[in-house]
Amino acid sequence: MGVTSLEARIEKLTALLDVGKAMASERNLDRLLQLILDEVTRVMEADRSSLFLVDRTRNELHSKIAQGLAVREIRVQIGKGIAGYVAQSGETVNIRDAYADPHFNKATDLQTGYRTHTILCVPMRNKLNEVIGVLQVLNKRDGVFTAEDEELLLALSSQAAVAIENAILYEDIQKLFEGFIKASVYAIESRDPTTSGHSDRVAILTVGLAERVDRTEIGPFGSVRFSAEDMRELRYASLLHDFGKVGVREPVLVKARKLYEPDLDLVIARFKFIKKALENETLHKKLGLALSLGSAAEPEMVALDQELQRQLAEVDGYLQLVQEANRPTVLPSGGFERILEVAANTFEDLDGTRRPYLTTQEAENLTIGKGSLNPQERLEIESHVTHTFRFLRQIPWTKDLRRIPTIAYAHHEKLNGGGYPNALRGEAIPFQAKIMTVCDIYDALSAADRPYKKAVAPEAALDILQMEVRDGLLDPELVRIFIDGQVWHLTHSLRTAA
């Protein structure tokens, strides 16, 4: 073997090692197939190449990618043509004159105007020695394919087979994990069907905002960049950010008003009793007047009736006030002093005990300034973040997804330390969580009507985000990009359909 020949062989072996490394590092199947074709064509010094995978269910070979062809997918019956024959027999085929070979199908050349001269086609075998595909090169640029080329292409096909099976396995694992994510989101939303779609919308908005940040060239985030893996991590964290709600009691989770329905029914029944008691008390007074004064009691009886009507109207007004106060508000509100006045009134129960119109607990609930939850219930709802973190921490995340529990854990933290569960401030909050927080708040405000709140118009929701910026709760640059970049439009159709 001459020096030149030895150098050429060393060069090809080195190329073989380089190709093997490149294949091993690529996990996306489509990109891997293209990489294999590009490298095989280069190393084999061929004009073009094609790669077919075996489809056992249809007894076919199929190719998503074939160099030089406009058609993206080709299907060939196993046993038909050169590739089909190699897939069936498992033999290497080296043809010096394609048109002289009975297995060669000239139809493709006729369709494309390409002229095939030489063909080298080898099977791709997995670790179990099963043929999983066929690798084919056409028209060697200098002469014909040699026995050494056969050996080299077989080596390349072995590397390709391993890389393809790994990529398919990785794809299957990804599909399995996506299924797990979807099942988890379904479990979250089955607890509270009125929030259906929230997790998906927050994920869309969060990734959309991250993409806008990634494209920002100036300002505080001009140097921030997200890789594809970072985006996937952020998407999963957004989809799973509320998973911990499975650990919150359902009555608290779906509480629509400040008083639970049975508690409001009890208040209504009590006020009906109060009205009956007033009517009964007035009847007793009128009977006493009739017995003592006879017909002379008429003016006083009229006065008693008028007083009764005033008292009944007052009780009805109290009940109306209770029912109005029972509705939660999105923004903090006050003016609940009259509820305390109502609660201060007393009536005589059947056992003669004086009782308040409203219990201490009822009055406290009705004077909740924002939302429908009292302090104890709010703590229970807030615990969903900790439940989420504990659940996500049990999953053996890969290295590129390891921050998911931490990101999800911080999506209710606020810049001024007023968030929960850890009262983190400023830079202590993960940047990805700050992004998700903006999107989570916007969707919670603007989502379709729920039993415990009315939908806020998108423009009003954006105003509220800016209010939270002024209050030092949200990152001002993220909110600016969210608004100016029209990120909020990404889920408009989804919110309309919700």
Foldseek 3Di string as FASTA:
>chain_A
DDPVVVVLVVVLVVLLVVLLVVLQPDQAQVVSLVSLFVSLCVSLQFPGKFKWFADVVVQWTKGQDTPPDPRRMDIGHQVAAPFSVCLVPQDKDKDQAQVVDPRHDCVVCVVRVDDFGIKTKGFQAEPVRHGGIMMMGTHRPPHGQDPVSNVSVRSSSPSSNHSNVSSVVVVVVVVVVVVVLVVLLVLLCVLPVLCPPLLVQLLLLLLLLLVLLQPACDDPSNPPHADPLNNVLLSSLSSLLQSLCNVFDSCLVQVAWLDRPVVLVVLVVLLVVQLVVLVVVLVVVVVVCCVPPNPVCVVVNVVSVVVSVVVNVVSVVLNVLLVVLRAFAADFDAPLVVLVVQQPDWDQDPVRDTHGSDDPSSSQSSGPGHFRDHPVSVVSSLCSLVSSLVVVCVDPDDPSNNCSSLLSSQLQAFQCLPGDDRSDHDPVHPPSSLSSNLSSQLCVQQAPDGSRDHHDPSVVSLVVSVVCVVVRGHDPVSSVCSVVVVSVVSCPVVRVVD
